[in-house]
C-alpha atoms as a PDB file:
ATOM      1  CA  MET A   1      18.445  78.831 -23.511  1.00  0.00           C
ATOM      2  CA  SER A   2      21.968  77.812 -22.576  1.00  0.00           C
ATOM      3  CA  ASN A   3      22.980  74.315 -21.544  1.00  0.00           C
ATOM      4  CA  THR A   4      22.603  75.450 -17.938  1.00  0.00           C
ATOM      5  CA  THR A   5      19.629  77.261 -16.454  1.00  0.00           C
ATOM      6  CA  GLN A   6      19.161  78.989 -13.117  1.00  0.00           C
ATOM      7  CA  ALA A   7      22.963  79.098 -12.697  1.00  0.00           C
ATOM      8  CA  ASN A   8      23.088  82.696 -11.499  1.00  0.00           C
ATOM      9  CA  ARG A   9      20.456  82.458  -8.806  1.00  0.00           C
ATOM     10  CA  PRO A  10      21.559  82.551  -5.174  1.00  0.00           C
ATOM     11  CA  HIS A  11      21.759  79.045  -3.783  1.00  0.00           C
ATOM     12  CA  GLY A  12      20.937  77.684  -0.378  1.00  0.00           C
ATOM     13  CA  ARG A  13      23.071  75.305   1.614  1.00  0.00           C
ATOM     14  CA  CYS A  14      23.965  73.388  -1.526  1.00  0.00           C
ATOM     15  CA  ARG A  15      23.585  73.571  -5.275  1.00  0.00           C
ATOM     16  CA  ILE A  16      21.362  70.961  -6.942  1.00  0.00           C
ATOM     17  CA  VAL A  17      22.033  70.051 -10.556  1.00  0.00           C
ATOM     18  CA  VAL A  18      19.829  67.893 -12.768  1.00  0.00           C
ATOM     19  CA  ASP A  19      19.702  67.356 -16.518  1.00  0.00           C
ATOM     20  CA  THR A  20      16.967  67.611 -19.103  1.00  0.00           C
ATOM     21  CA  CYS A  21      16.400  63.837 -18.998  1.00  0.00           C
ATOM     22  CA  ALA A  22      14.511  64.525 -15.752  1.00  0.00           C
ATOM     23  CA  ASP A  23      11.823  66.050 -18.006  1.00  0.00           C
ATOM     24  CA  LEU A  24      10.925  68.903 -15.692  1.00  0.00           C
ATOM     25  CA  THR A  25       8.308  71.123 -17.268  1.00  0.00           C
ATOM     26  CA  PRO A  26       9.397  74.693 -18.078  1.00  0.00           C
ATOM     27  CA  GLU A  27       6.875  75.976 -15.520  1.00  0.00           C
ATOM     28  CA  ILE A  28       8.241  73.812 -12.687  1.00  0.00           C
ATOM     29  CA  ALA A  29      11.875  74.374 -13.682  1.00  0.00           C
ATOM     30  CA  GLY A  30      11.311  78.117 -13.469  1.00  0.00           C
ATOM     31  CA  THR A  31      10.244  77.875  -9.815  1.00  0.00           C
ATOM     32  CA  LEU A  32      13.166  75.766  -8.604  1.00  0.00           C
ATOM     33  CA  ASP A  33      16.610  76.898  -7.532  1.00  0.00           C
ATOM     34  CA  VAL A  34      18.374  74.215  -9.557  1.00  0.00           C
ATOM     35  CA  ASP A  35      20.755  74.068 -12.511  1.00  0.00           C
ATOM     36  CA  ILE A  36      19.698  72.084 -15.562  1.00  0.00           C
ATOM     37  CA  LEU A  37      22.187  70.625 -18.021  1.00  0.00           C
ATOM     38  CA  GLY A  38      20.849  70.149 -21.540  1.00  0.00           C
ATOM     39  CA  PHE A  39      21.345  66.771 -23.209  1.00  0.00           C
ATOM     40  CA  PRO A  40      22.087  66.783 -26.957  1.00  0.00           C
ATOM     41  CA  TYR A  41      19.882  65.061 -29.514  1.00  0.00           C
ATOM     42  CA  ILE A  42      20.072  64.697 -33.290  1.00  0.00           C
ATOM     43  CA  LEU A  43      17.113  65.089 -35.626  1.00  0.00           C
ATOM     44  CA  ASP A  44      17.642  64.307 -39.302  1.00  0.00           C
ATOM     45  CA  GLY A  45      21.384  64.816 -38.913  1.00  0.00           C
ATOM     46  CA  VAL A  46      21.180  68.183 -37.110  1.00  0.00           C
ATOM     47  CA  GLU A  47      22.280  68.377 -33.471  1.00  0.00           C
ATOM     48  CA  TYR A  48      20.171  70.281 -30.968  1.00  0.00           C
ATOM     49  CA  ILE A  49      20.315  70.793 -27.205  1.00  0.00           C
ATOM     50  CA  ASP A  50      17.263  69.806 -25.196  1.00  0.00           C
ATOM     51  CA  ASP A  51      16.003  73.163 -23.884  1.00  0.00           C
ATOM     52  CA  LEU A  52      12.754  72.119 -22.183  1.00  0.00           C
ATOM     53  CA  TRP A  53      10.653  72.904 -25.261  1.00  0.00           C
ATOM     54  CA  THR A  54      11.819  76.509 -25.561  1.00  0.00           C
ATOM     55  CA  THR A  55      12.548  76.391 -29.300  1.00  0.00           C
ATOM     56  CA  THR A  56      10.019  73.764 -30.346  1.00  0.00           C
ATOM     57  CA  THR A  57       6.842  72.197 -28.990  1.00  0.00           C
ATOM     58  CA  PRO A  58       6.155  68.561 -28.150  1.00  0.00           C
ATOM     59  CA  HIS A  59       3.542  68.378 -30.909  1.00  0.00           C
ATOM     60  CA  GLU A  60       5.974  69.732 -33.506  1.00  0.00           C
ATOM     61  CA  PHE A  61       8.754  67.370 -32.452  1.00  0.00           C
ATOM     62  CA  TYR A  62       6.605  64.240 -32.347  1.00  0.00           C
ATOM     63  CA  ASN A  63       4.864  65.099 -35.594  1.00  0.00           C
ATOM     64  CA  ARG A  64       8.295  65.141 -37.229  1.00  0.00           C
ATOM     65  CA  LEU A  65       8.912  61.665 -35.840  1.00  0.00           C
ATOM     66  CA  ARG A  66       5.530  60.502 -37.126  1.00  0.00           C
ATOM     67  CA  ALA A  67       6.472  61.877 -40.547  1.00  0.00           C
ATOM     68  CA  GLY A  68       9.620  59.746 -40.597  1.00  0.00           C
ATOM     69  CA  ALA A  69      12.322  62.007 -39.168  1.00  0.00           C
ATOM     70  CA  LYS A  70      15.291  60.081 -37.774  1.00  0.00           C
ATOM     71  CA  ALA A  71      16.117  60.899 -34.152  1.00  0.00           C
ATOM     72  CA  SER A  72      19.050  59.836 -31.986  1.00  0.00           C
ATOM     73  CA  THR A  73      20.931  61.072 -28.939  1.00  0.00           C
ATOM     74  CA  SER A  74      24.452  61.463 -27.645  1.00  0.00           C
ATOM     75  CA  ALA A  75      25.913  61.801 -24.168  1.00  0.00           C
ATOM     76  CA  VAL A  76      26.942  65.038 -22.519  1.00  0.00           C
ATOM     77  CA  SER A  77      30.639  65.431 -23.277  1.00  0.00           C
ATOM     78  CA  LEU A  78      33.455  65.241 -20.763  1.00  0.00           C
ATOM     79  CA  GLY A  79      34.456  68.759 -21.770  1.00  0.00           C
ATOM     80  CA  ARG A  80      30.989  70.138 -21.022  1.00  0.00           C
ATOM     81  CA  TYR A  81      31.030  68.591 -17.562  1.00  0.00           C
ATOM     82  CA  LEU A  82      34.544  69.906 -16.899  1.00  0.00           C
ATOM     83  CA  GLU A  83      33.468  73.409 -17.890  1.00  0.00           C
ATOM     84  CA  PHE A  84      30.345  73.347 -15.743  1.00  0.00           C
ATOM     85  CA  PHE A  85      31.903  71.748 -12.649  1.00  0.00           C
ATOM     86  CA  GLU A  86      34.772  74.233 -12.826  1.00  0.00           C
ATOM     87  CA  GLN A  87      32.217  77.039 -12.719  1.00  0.00           C
ATOM     88  CA  CYS A  88      30.627  75.420  -9.674  1.00  0.00           C
ATOM     89  CA  ALA A  89      34.028  75.092  -7.986  1.00  0.00           C
ATOM     90  CA  GLN A  90      34.815  78.744  -8.653  1.00  0.00           C
ATOM     91  CA  GLU A  91      31.545  79.706  -6.969  1.00  0.00           C
ATOM     92  CA  GLY A  92      32.354  77.332  -4.114  1.00  0.00           C
ATOM     93  CA  THR A  93      28.834  76.234  -3.157  1.00  0.00           C
ATOM     94  CA  PRO A  94      28.721  72.496  -2.309  1.00  0.00           C
ATOM     95  CA  THR A  95      27.145  70.799  -5.312  1.00  0.00           C
ATOM     96  CA  VAL A  96      25.052  67.655  -5.886  1.00  0.00           C
ATOM     97  CA  TYR A  97      24.418  66.440  -9.440  1.00  0.00           C
ATOM     98  CA  LEU A  98      21.511  64.005  -9.824  1.00  0.00           C
ATOM     99  CA  CYS A  99      22.589  62.446 -13.109  1.00  0.00           C
ATOM    100  CA  PHE A 100      20.520  60.518 -15.645  1.00  0.00           C
ATOM    101  CA  THR A 101      20.793  56.748 -15.222  1.00  0.00           C
ATOM    102  CA  SER A 102      24.153  55.232 -16.129  1.00  0.00           C
ATOM    103  CA  ALA A 103      22.301  52.194 -17.493  1.00  0.00           C
ATOM    104  CA  LEU A 104      21.063  54.187 -20.485  1.00  0.00           C
ATOM    105  CA  SER A 105      23.809  56.753 -21.058  1.00  0.00           C
ATOM    106  CA  SER A 106      27.580  57.143 -20.711  1.00  0.00           C
ATOM    107  CA  SER A 107      27.024  60.657 -19.340  1.00  0.00           C
ATOM    108  CA  PHE A 108      27.332  59.483 -15.734  1.00  0.00           C
ATOM    109  CA  ASP A 109      30.800  58.070 -16.415  1.00  0.00           C
ATOM    110  CA  SER A 110      31.864  61.349 -18.033  1.00  0.00           C
ATOM    111  CA  ALA A 111      30.436  63.321 -15.120  1.00  0.00           C
ATOM    112  CA  CYS A 112      32.380  61.207 -12.613  1.00  0.00           C
ATOM    113  CA  ARG A 113      35.617  61.634 -14.552  1.00  0.00           C
ATOM    114  CA  ALA A 114      35.082  65.374 -14.762  1.00  0.00           C
ATOM    115  CA  ALA A 115      34.239  65.587 -11.064  1.00  0.00           C
ATOM    116  CA  ASP A 116      37.456  63.742 -10.154  1.00  0.00           C
ATOM    117  CA  GLU A 117      39.470  66.158 -12.257  1.00  0.00           C
ATOM    118  CA  VAL A 118      37.834  69.224 -10.745  1.00  0.00           C
ATOM    119  CA  ARG A 119      38.278  67.897  -7.211  1.00  0.00           C
ATOM    120  CA  ARG A 120      41.967  67.370  -7.945  1.00  0.00           C
ATOM    121  CA  HIS A 121      42.345  71.084  -8.654  1.00  0.00           C
ATOM    122  CA  HIS A 122      39.910  72.149  -5.918  1.00  0.00           C
ATOM    123  CA  PRO A 123      40.415  69.642  -3.071  1.00  0.00           C
ATOM    124  CA  ASP A 124      38.223  71.598  -0.645  1.00  0.00           C
ATOM    125  CA  PHE A 125      35.255  71.770  -3.017  1.00  0.00           C
ATOM    126  CA  GLU A 126      32.339  69.453  -2.185  1.00  0.00           C
ATOM    127  CA  LEU A 127      31.015  67.855  -5.374  1.00  0.00           C
ATOM    128  CA  TYR A 128      28.827  64.742  -5.436  1.00  0.00           C
ATOM    129  CA  VAL A 129      27.645  62.928  -8.576  1.00  0.00           C
ATOM    130  CA  VAL A 130      24.685  60.599  -7.959  1.00  0.00           C
ATOM    131  CA  ASP A 131      23.495  58.043 -10.516  1.00  0.00           C
ATOM    132  CA  ASN A 132      19.742  58.562 -10.241  1.00  0.00           C
ATOM    133  CA  ALA A 133      19.060  55.179 -11.955  1.00  0.00           C
ATOM    134  CA  LEU A 134      15.787  56.707 -13.129  1.00  0.00           C
ATOM    135  CA  PRO A 135      14.661  57.251 -16.720  1.00  0.00           C
ATOM    136  CA  CYS A 136      12.274  59.967 -17.853  1.00  0.00           C
ATOM    137  CA  ALA A 137      10.353  62.198 -15.435  1.00  0.00           C
ATOM    138  CA  CYS A 138      11.063  59.852 -12.520  1.00  0.00           C
ATOM    139  CA  GLY A 139      14.238  61.906 -12.233  1.00  0.00           C
ATOM    140  CA  GLY A 140      12.049  64.973 -11.979  1.00  0.00           C
ATOM    141  CA  LEU A 141      10.185  63.540  -8.992  1.00  0.00           C
ATOM    142  CA  LEU A 142      13.531  62.888  -7.292  1.00  0.00           C
ATOM    143  CA  ALA A 143      14.689  66.428  -8.039  1.00  0.00           C
ATOM    144  CA  LEU A 144      11.518  68.001  -6.642  1.00  0.00           C
ATOM    145  CA  GLU A 145      11.852  66.144  -3.370  1.00  0.00           C
ATOM    146  CA  ALA A 146      15.595  66.879  -3.239  1.00  0.00           C
ATOM    147  CA  VAL A 147      14.791  70.595  -3.324  1.00  0.00           C
ATOM    148  CA  ARG A 148      12.374  70.119  -0.441  1.00  0.00           C
ATOM    149  CA  GLN A 149      14.944  68.166   1.552  1.00  0.00           C
ATOM    150  CA  ARG A 150      17.523  70.900   0.951  1.00  0.00           C
ATOM    151  CA  SER A 151      15.038  73.439   2.307  1.00  0.00           C
ATOM    152  CA  ALA A 152      14.589  71.186   5.339  1.00  0.00           C
ATOM    153  CA  GLY A 153      18.298  71.532   6.055  1.00  0.00           C
ATOM    154  CA  LEU A 154      20.158  68.611   4.464  1.00  0.00           C
ATOM    155  CA  THR A 155      23.763  69.366   3.599  1.00  0.00           C
ATOM    156  CA  ALA A 156      25.226  68.440   0.214  1.00  0.00           C
ATOM    157  CA  ARG A 157      26.749  65.254   1.613  1.00  0.00           C
ATOM    158  CA  GLU A 158      23.499  64.301   3.307  1.00  0.00           C
ATOM    159  CA  LEU A 159      21.477  65.125   0.214  1.00  0.00           C
ATOM    160  CA  ALA A 160      23.641  62.904  -2.002  1.00  0.00           C
ATOM    161  CA  ALA A 161      23.223  60.025   0.453  1.00  0.00           C
ATOM    162  CA  TRP A 162      19.477  60.698   0.680  1.00  0.00           C
ATOM    163  CA  ALA A 163      19.058  60.626  -3.117  1.00  0.00           C
ATOM    164  CA  ASP A 164      20.975  57.365  -3.402  1.00  0.00           C
ATOM    165  CA  GLU A 165      18.540  55.766  -0.966  1.00  0.00           C
ATOM    166  CA  ALA A 166      15.351  57.525  -2.054  1.00  0.00           C
ATOM    167  CA  LYS A 167      15.566  56.609  -5.744  1.00  0.00           C
ATOM    168  CA  THR A 168      14.454  53.014  -5.138  1.00  0.00           C
ATOM    169  CA  TYR A 169      11.087  54.292  -3.854  1.00  0.00           C
ATOM    170  CA  ILE A 170      10.208  55.892  -7.184  1.00  0.00           C
ATOM    171  CA  HIS A 171       8.191  53.836  -9.660  1.00  0.00           C
ATOM    172  CA  GLY A 172       7.561  54.385 -13.333  1.00  0.00           C
ATOM    173  CA  TYR A 173       5.392  52.351 -15.703  1.00  0.00           C
ATOM    174  CA  PHE A 174       4.737  53.216 -19.319  1.00  0.00           C
ATOM    175  CA  THR A 175       3.293  51.956 -22.538  1.00  0.00           C
ATOM    176  CA  LEU A 176       4.215  52.749 -26.139  1.00  0.00           C
ATOM    177  CA  GLU A 177       2.088  53.272 -29.205  1.00  0.00           C
ATOM    178  CA  SER A 178       4.545  51.170 -31.193  1.00  0.00           C
ATOM    179  CA  LEU A 179       7.977  49.579 -30.916  1.00  0.00           C
ATOM    180  CA  ASP A 180       9.270  51.324 -34.041  1.00  0.00           C
ATOM    181  CA  ALA A 181      11.458  53.848 -32.206  1.00  0.00           C
ATOM    182  CA  LEU A 182      13.061  51.123 -30.072  1.00  0.00           C
ATOM    183  CA  ALA A 183      13.749  49.120 -33.217  1.00  0.00           C
ATOM    184  CA  GLN A 184      15.215  52.151 -34.969  1.00  0.00           C
ATOM    185  CA  GLY A 185      17.557  52.693 -32.029  1.00  0.00           C
ATOM    186  CA  GLY A 186      18.712  49.073 -32.147  1.00  0.00           C
ATOM    187  CA  ARG A 187      17.132  48.106 -28.833  1.00  0.00           C
ATOM    188  CA  ILE A 188      14.879  45.416 -30.348  1.00  0.00           C
ATOM    189  CA  PRO A 189      14.906  43.600 -33.730  1.00  0.00           C
ATOM    190  CA  PRO A 190      12.918  45.364 -36.504  1.00  0.00           C
ATOM    191  CA  ALA A 191      10.991  42.130 -37.115  1.00  0.00           C
ATOM    192  CA  ALA A 192       9.691  42.210 -33.533  1.00  0.00           C
ATOM    193  CA  ALA A 193       8.400  45.753 -34.016  1.00  0.00           C
ATOM    194  CA  GLN A 194       6.670  44.805 -37.269  1.00  0.00           C
ATOM    195  CA  LEU A 195       5.004  41.767 -35.715  1.00  0.00           C
ATOM    196  CA  SER A 196       3.873  43.814 -32.718  1.00  0.00           C
ATOM    197  CA  SER A 197       2.263  46.367 -35.022  1.00  0.00           C
ATOM    198  CA  LYS A 198       0.397  43.721 -37.003  1.00  0.00           C
ATOM    199  CA  LEU A 199      -0.984  42.108 -33.847  1.00  0.00           C
ATOM    200  CA  ASP A 200      -1.764  45.447 -32.135  1.00  0.00           C
ATOM    201  CA  ILE A 201       0.480  44.457 -29.220  1.00  0.00           C
ATOM    202  CA  LYS A 202       1.169  47.261 -26.761  1.00  0.00           C
ATOM    203  CA  PRO A 203       4.073  46.700 -24.374  1.00  0.00           C
ATOM    204  CA  VAL A 204       4.187  47.790 -20.734  1.00  0.00           C
ATOM    205  CA  LEU A 205       7.662  48.655 -19.529  1.00  0.00           C
ATOM    206  CA  SER A 206       9.399  49.779 -16.373  1.00  0.00           C
ATOM    207  CA  PHE A 207      13.005  49.875 -15.171  1.00  0.00           C
ATOM    208  CA  ASP A 208      15.148  47.865 -12.798  1.00  0.00           C
ATOM    209  CA  LEU A 209      17.259  49.029  -9.851  1.00  0.00           C
ATOM    210  CA  ALA A 210      20.125  49.923 -12.185  1.00  0.00           C
ATOM    211  CA  GLY A 211      17.839  52.038 -14.354  1.00  0.00           C
ATOM    212  CA  SER A 212      17.729  49.673 -17.330  1.00  0.00           C
ATOM    213  CA  LEU A 213      14.426  49.351 -19.158  1.00  0.00           C
ATOM    214  CA  SER A 214      12.528  46.125 -18.634  1.00  0.00           C
ATOM    215  CA  LEU A 215       9.495  44.655 -20.394  1.00  0.00           C
ATOM    216  CA  ILE A 216       6.971  43.577 -17.781  1.00  0.00           C
ATOM    217  CA  GLY A 217       3.943  42.781 -19.915  1.00  0.00           C
ATOM    218  CA  VAL A 218       2.167  42.976 -23.258  1.00  0.00           C
ATOM    219  CA  ASN A 219      -1.451  43.724 -24.076  1.00  0.00           C
ATOM    220  CA  ARG A 220      -3.695  43.501 -27.115  1.00  0.00           C
ATOM    221  CA  GLY A 221      -4.831  47.067 -27.659  1.00  0.00           C
ATOM    222  CA  ARG A 222      -4.151  50.468 -26.162  1.00  0.00           C
ATOM    223  CA  LYS A 223      -6.947  50.550 -23.587  1.00  0.00           C
ATOM    224  CA  LYS A 224      -5.801  47.283 -22.015  1.00  0.00           C
ATOM    225  CA  ALA A 225      -2.266  48.671 -21.787  1.00  0.00           C
ATOM    226  CA  LEU A 226      -3.514  51.808 -20.042  1.00  0.00           C
ATOM    227  CA  LYS A 227      -5.510  49.688 -17.607  1.00  0.00           C
ATOM    228  CA  ALA A 228      -2.350  47.683 -16.926  1.00  0.00           C
ATOM    229  CA  LEU A 229      -0.589  50.928 -15.916  1.00  0.00           C
ATOM    230  CA  LEU A 230      -3.436  51.642 -13.510  1.00  0.00           C
ATOM    231  CA  ALA A 231      -3.175  48.133 -12.019  1.00  0.00           C
ATOM    232  CA  LEU A 232       0.569  48.540 -11.471  1.00  0.00           C
ATOM    233  CA  PHE A 233      -0.061  51.849  -9.734  1.00  0.00           C
ATOM    234  CA  LYS A 234      -2.605  50.263  -7.391  1.00  0.00           C
ATOM    235  CA  GLU A 235      -0.177  47.439  -6.601  1.00  0.00           C
ATOM    236  CA  ASN A 236       2.811  49.633  -5.770  1.00  0.00           C
ATOM    237  CA  TYR A 237       1.568  53.044  -4.628  1.00  0.00           C
ATOM    238  CA  VAL A 238       1.863  54.166  -1.002  1.00  0.00           C
ATOM    239  CA  LEU A 239      -0.435  57.083  -0.218  1.00  0.00           C
ATOM    240  CA  ASP A 240       1.440  60.189   0.920  1.00  0.00           C
ATOM    241  CA  ARG A 241      -0.340  63.479   0.322  1.00  0.00           C
ATOM    242  CA  SER A 242       2.912  65.458   0.499  1.00  0.00           C
ATOM    243  CA  MET A 243       4.378  63.648  -2.516  1.00  0.00           C
ATOM    244  CA  PRO A 244       3.190  64.451  -6.048  1.00  0.00           C
ATOM    245  CA  MET A 245       2.865  61.861  -8.772  1.00  0.00           C
ATOM    246  CA  ALA A 246       3.110  62.478 -12.497  1.00  0.00           C
ATOM    247  CA  VAL A 247       1.432  61.484 -15.733  1.00  0.00           C
ATOM    248  CA  VAL A 248       3.503  62.247 -18.806  1.00  0.00           C
ATOM    249  CA  SER A 249       3.205  61.473 -22.492  1.00  0.00           C
ATOM    250  CA  SER A 250       4.922  61.935 -25.810  1.00  0.00           C
ATOM    251  CA  ASP A 251       2.102  63.843 -27.506  1.00  0.00           C
ATOM    252  CA  ALA A 252      -0.660  61.484 -26.364  1.00  0.00           C
ATOM    253  CA  GLU A 253      -2.664  63.876 -24.221  1.00  0.00           C
ATOM    254  CA  LYS A 254      -6.035  62.165 -24.685  1.00  0.00           C
ATOM    255  CA  ASP A 255      -4.737  58.900 -23.229  1.00  0.00           C
ATOM    256  CA  ALA A 256      -2.880  60.788 -20.490  1.00  0.00           C
ATOM    257  CA  ASP A 257      -6.156  62.538 -19.600  1.00  0.00           C
ATOM    258  CA  TRP A 258      -7.877  59.136 -19.323  1.00  0.00           C
ATOM    259  CA  LEU A 259      -5.126  57.817 -17.072  1.00  0.00           C
ATOM    260  CA  GLU A 260      -5.191  60.861 -14.790  1.00  0.00           C
ATOM    261  CA  ALA A 261      -8.969  60.626 -14.436  1.00  0.00           C
ATOM    262  CA  ALA A 262      -8.697  56.915 -13.590  1.00  0.00           C
ATOM    263  CA  LEU A 263      -5.992  57.603 -10.990  1.00  0.00           C
ATOM    264  CA  ARG A 264      -8.148  60.219  -9.278  1.00  0.00           C
ATOM    265  CA  LYS A 265     -10.893  57.633  -8.802  1.00  0.00           C
ATOM    266  CA  GLU A 266      -8.623  55.539  -6.573  1.00  0.00           C
ATOM    267  CA  ASP A 267      -9.087  55.765  -2.803  1.00  0.00           C
ATOM    268  CA  GLY A 268      -7.481  58.900  -1.391  1.00  0.00           C
ATOM    269  CA  CYS A 269      -6.272  60.159  -4.773  1.00  0.00           C
ATOM    270  CA  ALA A 270      -9.022  62.569  -5.800  1.00  0.00           C
ATOM    271  CA  ASP A 271      -7.211  65.683  -4.587  1.00  0.00           C
ATOM    272  CA  LEU A 272      -3.592  64.570  -4.891  1.00  0.00           C
ATOM    273  CA  THR A 273      -1.140  66.653  -6.899  1.00  0.00           C
ATOM    274  CA  ILE A 274      -0.703  64.985 -10.280  1.00  0.00           C
ATOM    275  CA  LEU A 275       1.902  66.719 -12.378  1.00  0.00           C
ATOM    276  CA  ARG A 276       1.426  66.667 -16.126  1.00  0.00           C
ATOM    277  CA  GLY A 277       4.222  66.985 -18.646  1.00  0.00           C
ATOM    278  CA  SER A 278       5.632  66.007 -21.992  1.00  0.00           C
ATOM    279  CA  VAL A 279       8.436  63.516 -22.540  1.00  0.00           C
ATOM    280  CA  GLY A 280      11.456  65.511 -23.694  1.00  0.00           C
ATOM    281  CA  PRO A 281      13.206  64.989 -27.031  1.00  0.00           C
ATOM    282  CA  THR A 282      16.103  63.070 -25.484  1.00  0.00           C
ATOM    283  CA  ILE A 283      13.849  60.321 -24.158  1.00  0.00           C
ATOM    284  CA  GLY A 284      11.356  60.844 -26.969  1.00  0.00           C
ATOM    285  CA  ALA A 285      13.967  59.987 -29.586  1.00  0.00           C
ATOM    286  CA  HIS A 286      14.009  56.447 -28.167  1.00  0.00           C
ATOM    287  CA  VAL A 287      10.330  55.857 -27.369  1.00  0.00           C
ATOM    288  CA  GLY A 288       8.653  57.731 -30.206  1.00  0.00           C
ATOM    289  CA  ALA A 289       5.276  59.429 -30.243  1.00  0.00           C
ATOM    290  CA  GLY A 290       2.449  57.966 -28.175  1.00  0.00           C
ATOM    291  CA  MET A 291       4.173  56.978 -24.936  1.00  0.00           C
ATOM    292  CA  VAL A 292       2.080  57.330 -21.761  1.00  0.00           C
ATOM    293  CA  ALA A 293       3.564  56.907 -18.275  1.00  0.00           C
ATOM    294  CA  VAL A 294       2.555  57.044 -14.629  1.00  0.00           C
ATOM    295  CA  LEU A 295       5.289  57.917 -12.138  1.00  0.00           C
ATOM    296  CA  PHE A 296       5.011  57.955  -8.357  1.00  0.00           C
ATOM    297  CA  TRP A 297       6.597  57.342  -4.969  1.00  0.00           C
ATOM    298  CA  GLY A 298       5.698  53.919  -3.585  1.00  0.00           C
ATOM    299  CA  LYS A 299       7.001  50.681  -2.132  1.00  0.00           C
ATOM    300  CA  ASP A 300      10.755  50.157  -1.957  1.00  0.00           C
ATOM    301  CA  ARG A 301      11.689  48.459  -5.233  1.00  0.00           C
ATOM    302  CA  ALA A 302      14.886  47.169  -3.596  1.00  0.00           C
ATOM    303  CA  GLU A 303      12.793  44.795  -1.504  1.00  0.00           C
ATOM    304  CA  LYS A 304      11.662  42.936  -4.616  1.00  0.00           C
ATOM    305  CA  ILE A 305      14.810  40.874  -4.828  1.00  0.00           C
ATOM    306  CA  SER A 306      15.330  37.512  -6.465  1.00  0.00           C
ATOM    307  CA  LEU A 307      15.178  34.159  -4.704  1.00  0.00           C
ATOM    308  CA  SER A 308      18.946  33.794  -5.126  1.00  0.00           C
ATOM    309  CA  ASP A 309      19.556  37.142  -3.436  1.00  0.00           C
ATOM    310  CA  ARG A 310      17.227  36.189  -0.593  1.00  0.00           C
ATOM    311  CA  ILE A 311      19.242  33.037   0.017  1.00  0.00           C
ATOM    312  CA  ALA A 312      22.451  35.045   0.016  1.00  0.00           C
ATOM    313  CA  LYS A 313      21.025  37.499   2.561  1.00  0.00           C
ATOM    314  CA  ARG A 314      19.963  34.570   4.779  1.00  0.00           C
ATOM    315  CA  ILE A 315      23.459  33.101   4.676  1.00  0.00           C
ATOM    316  CA  ARG A 316      24.916  36.450   5.667  1.00  0.00           C
ATOM    317  CA  GLY A 317      22.467  36.559   8.574  1.00  0.00           C
ATOM    318  CA  LYS A 318      20.741  39.729   7.344  1.00  0.00           C
END
């Protein structure tokens, strides 16, 4: 698989580009008229390109992590973006790139720089780079709906504006088996990970409006953490039968099965489309084996603003 998939298919009114951090499953990716840019990751000193599990399986990858393999990631290079956007400009189809959150990667900055350069040489070419501000398969939910909105007739400009507004309605809550991978990546102190393991503390995390990860709770034991994910879903979900939700894991299918079954017991959810998938190696390098997440469209997260921001809005008369 090349860094870009679906690139030679005929496109509609605009070209939609996502990256492998959106964690689309190979089956879903194969049905969509989108381009997918592969993020690089490093495993025991060898660089690979995330190819949606074409050359390895989730179980193989996460078993290597369990066995002590060292994993890390790097951003998509400026040169790769220049090459790809130039190809898009040569084709001429208006293009929208829904890029992985700038809060967790410098790729968005590189994409913007590349887009500026390509526009300078092709001033009539429509190219929009949107910071999706969404980690993991939340970006996949945005991409799926973007395809539907394109089919409904949105132009590239309209689609970019839609995505920038729609992303705050997507929620994601997840728990980890351990904090070891976050400690290895320098995101938390190693001592905190060791203490968490000894006390059987399971964190529950989400992300803020910028796409940065945020710790929103801790639980003693895995089952309590999974129940906390269910409670957060019930608090924030808005029933819409046209919108799928997702349950994904990093090789923790038994717990993902439990969570899906619990979700289907909620009012109105028995027959909803619940997509299942595996966390890709780019995200998996940072969360490790055992992550379980629920992702869905719900209440506008932008409305949950701080007291200080509320005061500021009142002063402005908004």
